[in-house]
Protein backbone atom coordinates (compact mmCIF):
# COMPACT_ATOMS: atom_id res chain seq x y z
CA MET A 1 6.78 -51.89 -35.61
CA LEU A 2 3.14 -50.88 -35.29
CA GLU A 3 2.73 -53.16 -32.27
CA ARG A 4 5.78 -51.59 -30.67
CA ILE A 5 4.28 -48.14 -31.12
CA ARG A 6 1.00 -49.36 -29.63
CA GLY A 7 2.96 -50.73 -26.71
CA PHE A 8 4.47 -47.30 -26.10
CA ILE A 9 1.02 -45.81 -26.37
CA ARG A 10 -0.29 -48.13 -23.67
CA HIS A 11 2.69 -47.28 -21.48
CA LEU A 12 2.02 -43.56 -21.90
CA GLU A 13 -1.69 -44.09 -21.36
CA LEU A 14 -2.44 -42.40 -24.68
CA PRO A 15 -5.76 -43.02 -26.49
CA GLN A 16 -5.65 -45.63 -29.21
CA GLU A 17 -9.07 -45.03 -30.74
CA GLU A 18 -10.81 -42.07 -32.34
CA TYR A 19 -13.45 -40.16 -30.37
CA GLU A 20 -15.74 -37.57 -31.93
CA ASP A 21 -15.31 -35.13 -29.06
CA VAL A 22 -11.49 -35.49 -28.84
CA VAL A 23 -8.93 -33.96 -31.17
CA TYR A 24 -5.36 -35.22 -31.59
CA ARG A 25 -2.82 -32.61 -32.66
CA ILE A 26 0.87 -32.55 -33.41
CA ILE A 27 3.30 -29.81 -34.47
CA ASP A 28 4.72 -30.15 -37.96
CA ASP A 29 8.13 -28.91 -39.14
CA ASP A 30 6.71 -25.42 -39.72
CA ARG A 31 5.29 -25.28 -36.17
CA ASN A 32 1.75 -25.62 -37.38
CA ALA A 33 -0.71 -27.44 -35.15
CA ILE A 34 -2.39 -30.10 -37.31
CA GLU A 35 -5.00 -32.72 -36.54
CA VAL A 36 -3.98 -36.37 -36.89
CA THR A 37 -5.30 -39.80 -36.01
CA ALA A 38 -4.75 -41.36 -32.62
CA THR A 39 -2.11 -43.68 -34.11
CA GLU A 40 -0.23 -40.84 -35.79
CA TYR A 41 -0.41 -38.89 -32.58
CA GLY A 42 1.05 -41.78 -30.62
CA ARG A 43 3.87 -42.24 -33.14
CA TRP A 44 4.70 -38.51 -32.88
CA ARG A 45 4.81 -38.72 -29.09
CA VAL A 46 7.23 -41.64 -29.26
CA GLN A 47 9.53 -40.21 -31.92
CA HIS A 48 9.97 -36.71 -30.52
CA ASP A 49 10.93 -34.98 -27.29
CA VAL A 50 7.51 -33.36 -27.21
CA ALA A 51 7.96 -31.69 -23.81
CA LYS A 52 10.83 -29.66 -25.26
CA LEU A 53 9.36 -29.29 -28.72
CA ALA A 54 6.10 -27.82 -27.41
CA VAL A 55 7.64 -24.89 -25.51
CA VAL A 56 6.89 -21.59 -27.24
CA GLY A 57 8.41 -19.44 -24.50
CA GLN A 58 9.32 -19.50 -20.82
CA ASP A 59 10.37 -16.52 -18.72
CA THR A 60 10.50 -15.55 -15.05
CA VAL A 61 9.43 -12.05 -14.06
CA GLY A 62 10.00 -11.39 -10.38
CA ASP A 63 8.25 -14.24 -8.57
CA VAL A 64 6.06 -15.19 -11.55
CA LEU A 65 6.90 -17.92 -14.07
CA VAL A 66 5.33 -17.33 -17.51
CA ARG A 67 5.13 -20.42 -19.71
CA THR A 68 3.57 -20.67 -23.18
CA THR A 69 3.29 -24.10 -24.77
CA PHE A 70 1.59 -26.24 -27.36
CA SER A 71 -0.81 -28.64 -25.66
CA ILE A 72 0.69 -32.09 -26.14
CA MET A 73 -2.33 -33.92 -24.74
CA PRO A 74 -5.54 -34.73 -26.61
CA GLU A 75 -8.20 -32.13 -25.93
CA SER A 76 -11.87 -31.57 -26.54
CA ARG A 77 -12.70 -30.47 -30.06
CA GLY A 78 -12.90 -26.70 -30.34
CA SER A 79 -10.15 -26.03 -27.79
CA LYS A 80 -7.19 -23.93 -28.94
CA PRO A 81 -3.85 -25.76 -29.19
CA PHE A 82 -1.56 -23.12 -27.65
CA GLY A 83 -1.79 -21.45 -24.27
CA THR A 84 0.00 -19.15 -21.82
CA SER A 85 -0.02 -19.89 -18.09
CA ALA A 86 1.56 -18.07 -15.18
CA PHE A 87 2.57 -19.47 -11.79
CA LEU A 88 3.81 -17.99 -8.53
CA ILE A 89 7.23 -19.26 -7.51
CA PRO A 90 8.10 -21.32 -5.50
CA ASP A 91 4.72 -23.03 -4.92
CA TYR A 92 3.62 -22.74 -8.57
CA ASP A 93 0.15 -21.53 -7.70
CA PRO A 94 -1.60 -20.46 -10.93
CA VAL A 95 -2.12 -16.76 -11.65
CA THR A 96 -5.27 -17.08 -13.74
CA GLN A 97 -5.48 -13.49 -15.01
CA TYR A 98 -2.49 -14.16 -17.26
CA SER A 99 -3.94 -17.31 -18.88
CA HIS A 100 -4.57 -17.05 -22.63
CA LYS A 101 -5.29 -19.42 -25.52
CA TYR A 102 -4.14 -19.13 -29.14
CA ASP A 103 -4.73 -20.79 -32.50
CA THR A 104 -1.20 -20.56 -33.92
CA TRP A 105 2.41 -20.62 -32.80
CA LEU A 106 2.89 -17.02 -33.97
CA GLN A 107 -0.07 -15.83 -31.89
CA ALA A 108 1.26 -17.76 -28.89
CA ASP A 109 4.74 -16.25 -29.30
CA LEU A 110 3.34 -12.71 -29.50
CA GLY A 111 0.99 -13.38 -26.60
CA HIS A 112 3.84 -14.70 -24.47
CA ARG A 113 5.96 -11.62 -25.16
CA GLU A 114 3.04 -9.32 -24.33
CA THR A 115 2.36 -11.13 -21.05
CA VAL A 116 6.02 -10.83 -20.06
CA ARG A 117 5.96 -7.13 -20.96
CA LEU A 118 2.83 -6.46 -18.87
CA LEU A 119 4.23 -8.37 -15.90
CA THR A 120 7.52 -6.48 -16.14
CA GLU A 121 5.68 -3.14 -16.13
CA GLU A 122 3.61 -4.21 -13.15
CA GLN A 123 6.72 -5.34 -11.28
CA ASP A 124 8.43 -2.01 -12.05
CA GLU A 125 5.37 -0.05 -10.88
CA ALA A 126 5.22 -2.11 -7.68
CA THR A 127 8.93 -1.49 -7.08
CA ASP A 128 8.51 2.24 -7.71
CA THR A 129 5.52 2.34 -5.34
CA ALA A 130 7.46 0.50 -2.63
CA GLN A 131 10.44 2.81 -3.07
CA HIS A 132 8.14 5.83 -2.98
CA THR A 133 6.50 4.51 0.19
CA ASP A 134 9.93 3.97 1.78
CA THR A 135 10.96 7.49 0.78
CA ARG A 136 7.78 8.96 2.26
CA ALA A 137 8.36 7.02 5.47
CA GLU A 138 11.91 8.34 5.67
CA GLU A 139 10.64 11.90 5.09
CA THR A 140 8.11 11.46 7.88
CA GLU A 141 10.81 10.23 10.24
CA VAL A 142 12.92 13.29 9.40
CA VAL A 143 9.99 15.62 10.07
CA LEU A 144 9.25 13.90 13.37
CA TYR A 145 12.90 14.19 14.39
CA ALA A 146 12.93 17.87 13.41
CA ILE A 147 9.84 18.52 15.52
CA ALA A 148 11.21 16.59 18.49
CA SER A 149 14.58 18.30 18.35
CA GLY A 150 13.75 21.74 16.97
CA VAL A 151 10.25 22.80 18.05
CA PRO A 152 11.02 22.68 21.81
CA GLY A 153 13.53 25.44 21.07
CA LEU A 154 10.56 27.70 20.27
CA PHE A 155 9.41 27.35 23.87
CA GLN A 156 11.41 29.19 26.53
CA VAL A 157 11.11 27.56 29.95
CA GLU A 158 12.27 29.06 33.22
CA ALA A 159 11.46 28.63 36.87
CA SER A 160 9.03 31.08 38.46
CA PRO A 161 10.52 33.19 41.31
CA ASP A 162 7.63 32.19 43.56
CA ALA A 163 6.38 28.79 42.46
CA GLY A 164 5.81 26.78 39.33
CA THR A 165 7.34 27.24 35.89
CA PHE A 166 6.96 29.89 33.18
CA ILE A 167 6.67 28.81 29.54
CA ARG A 168 6.95 31.37 26.77
CA THR A 169 5.24 29.92 23.68
CA PRO A 170 5.53 30.85 19.98
CA TRP A 171 1.85 31.92 19.86
CA LEU A 172 1.21 35.67 19.96
CA LEU A 173 -1.36 37.98 21.53
CA PRO A 174 -2.91 40.85 19.53
CA ASP A 175 -0.32 43.30 20.92
CA GLY A 176 2.51 41.10 19.60
CA ALA A 177 3.54 39.70 22.97
CA PRO A 178 4.04 35.94 23.20
CA VAL A 179 1.52 33.81 25.05
CA GLN A 180 3.10 32.93 28.37
CA LEU A 181 1.81 30.10 30.54
CA THR A 182 2.35 29.08 34.13
CA VAL A 183 2.67 25.42 35.05
CA ASP A 184 2.35 24.18 38.63
CA ARG A 185 2.75 20.67 39.98
CA GLU A 186 -0.55 19.42 41.37
CA GLY A 187 -0.30 15.99 42.94
CA GLU A 188 0.95 13.62 40.23
CA GLY A 189 -0.34 15.91 37.50
CA PHE A 190 0.01 19.54 36.46
CA SER A 191 -2.15 22.65 36.56
CA LEU A 192 -1.69 25.16 33.74
CA SER A 193 -2.93 28.75 33.47
CA GLY A 194 -2.65 31.49 30.89
CA PRO A 195 -2.40 35.28 31.10
CA SER A 196 -5.39 37.36 32.13
CA ILE A 197 -7.45 38.54 29.17
CA ALA A 198 -9.69 41.59 29.38
CA LEU A 199 -13.11 40.36 28.36
CA PRO A 200 -15.52 42.76 26.64
CA THR A 201 -18.32 44.43 28.60
CA ASP A 202 -20.88 42.43 26.64
CA TYR A 203 -19.07 39.19 27.53
CA GLN A 204 -22.32 37.46 28.43
CA SER A 205 -23.63 37.86 24.88
CA SER A 206 -20.44 36.34 23.40
CA SER A 207 -19.65 33.90 26.19
CA GLU A 208 -21.27 30.95 24.46
CA MET A 209 -19.03 31.33 21.41
CA LEU A 210 -15.91 31.77 23.51
CA GLU A 211 -16.79 28.75 25.64
CA ARG A 212 -17.19 26.65 22.49
CA VAL A 213 -13.73 27.68 21.37
CA CYS A 214 -12.25 26.79 24.75
CA GLU A 215 -14.13 23.49 24.80
CA ALA A 216 -12.67 22.63 21.40
CA PHE A 217 -9.18 23.06 22.87
CA GLY A 218 -10.09 21.24 26.08
CA VAL A 219 -9.47 24.21 28.37
CA SER A 220 -11.58 26.32 30.78
CA LEU A 221 -12.17 30.08 30.76
CA GLU A 222 -13.27 31.87 33.93
CA GLY A 223 -12.86 35.55 34.72
CA GLY A 224 -10.57 36.02 31.73
CA ILE A 225 -8.16 33.28 32.87
CA HIS A 226 -7.65 30.13 30.82
CA THR A 227 -6.78 26.95 32.70
CA ALA A 228 -6.01 23.35 31.77
CA ARG A 229 -4.82 20.17 33.43
CA ALA A 230 -2.43 17.37 32.56
CA VAL A 231 -2.76 14.14 34.52
CA ASP A 232 0.89 13.24 33.94
CA VAL A 233 4.04 14.37 32.17
CA LEU A 234 3.04 12.54 28.98
CA GLU A 235 -0.04 14.76 28.60
CA LEU A 236 1.86 17.94 29.46
CA PRO A 237 3.06 18.83 25.90
CA HIS A 238 -0.45 18.51 24.50
CA ALA A 239 -1.92 20.56 27.35
CA ILE A 240 0.67 23.32 26.82
CA ALA A 241 -0.04 23.54 23.08
CA SER A 242 -3.82 23.44 23.55
CA LEU A 243 -3.84 26.11 26.26
CA ALA A 244 -1.55 28.44 24.29
CA GLN A 245 -3.71 28.14 21.18
CA ALA A 246 -6.90 28.76 23.16
CA VAL A 247 -5.44 31.90 24.76
CA ALA A 248 -4.29 33.26 21.39
CA CYS A 249 -7.58 32.44 19.69
CA VAL A 250 -9.82 33.99 22.36
CA SER A 251 -7.61 37.08 22.71
CA TRP A 252 -7.89 37.75 19.00
CA MET A 253 -11.64 37.12 19.03
CA VAL A 254 -12.32 39.63 21.78
CA GLN A 255 -10.22 42.24 19.96
CA GLN A 256 -12.52 42.14 16.90
CA PRO A 257 -14.69 45.27 16.56
């Protein structure tokens, strides 16, 4: 019988001799990990379905497999007999941050449950974050649609009796009148101009500040008239908004005492 066991040991490529730096462990009926001789270890391997017996817990959380087992192979002395490992499905790449070692079955069982709990919380947080991101994206799309469909209604556009086009904008002058612009076709682009603004008598002393404001909006100011250009129809909305804001800003600045 002993020779038969040794034959199984050879077939399984299990050690048959004692080594000082190797420990042989089995699980007893109370699930305690105990040290045995190489022969006793081999007999235990033959007489039991150790692959099934050694499983403390196995769960799948999202795309992560969590597996906690008793180590059925001889290990170096000082190593702990139980361990938790995690793997990404379907390639089973190890997720090392969830690897833990334990001394007893009870510790391994508790550790496995805690790992599953942490992973579940992380999965829930990731799902909540993704849902929140999707919601924010939907909100942004709604705002963009509202701007595209609603804001143009704030601008009144009509043809000029002489030439060009009048645009009444939602920006206001100090007297409460809306800023009105004139747009003329100029080659393939457009030339825009604002209403005449009465500049103060000491304009030269404040011209530098006013010019900085106009430069920030990308428009020109000469003789109280603001002008801007748009090279094509795609730049026209931006030019209209910039010019209207510049006119409103400068008009309010020159009205300050």
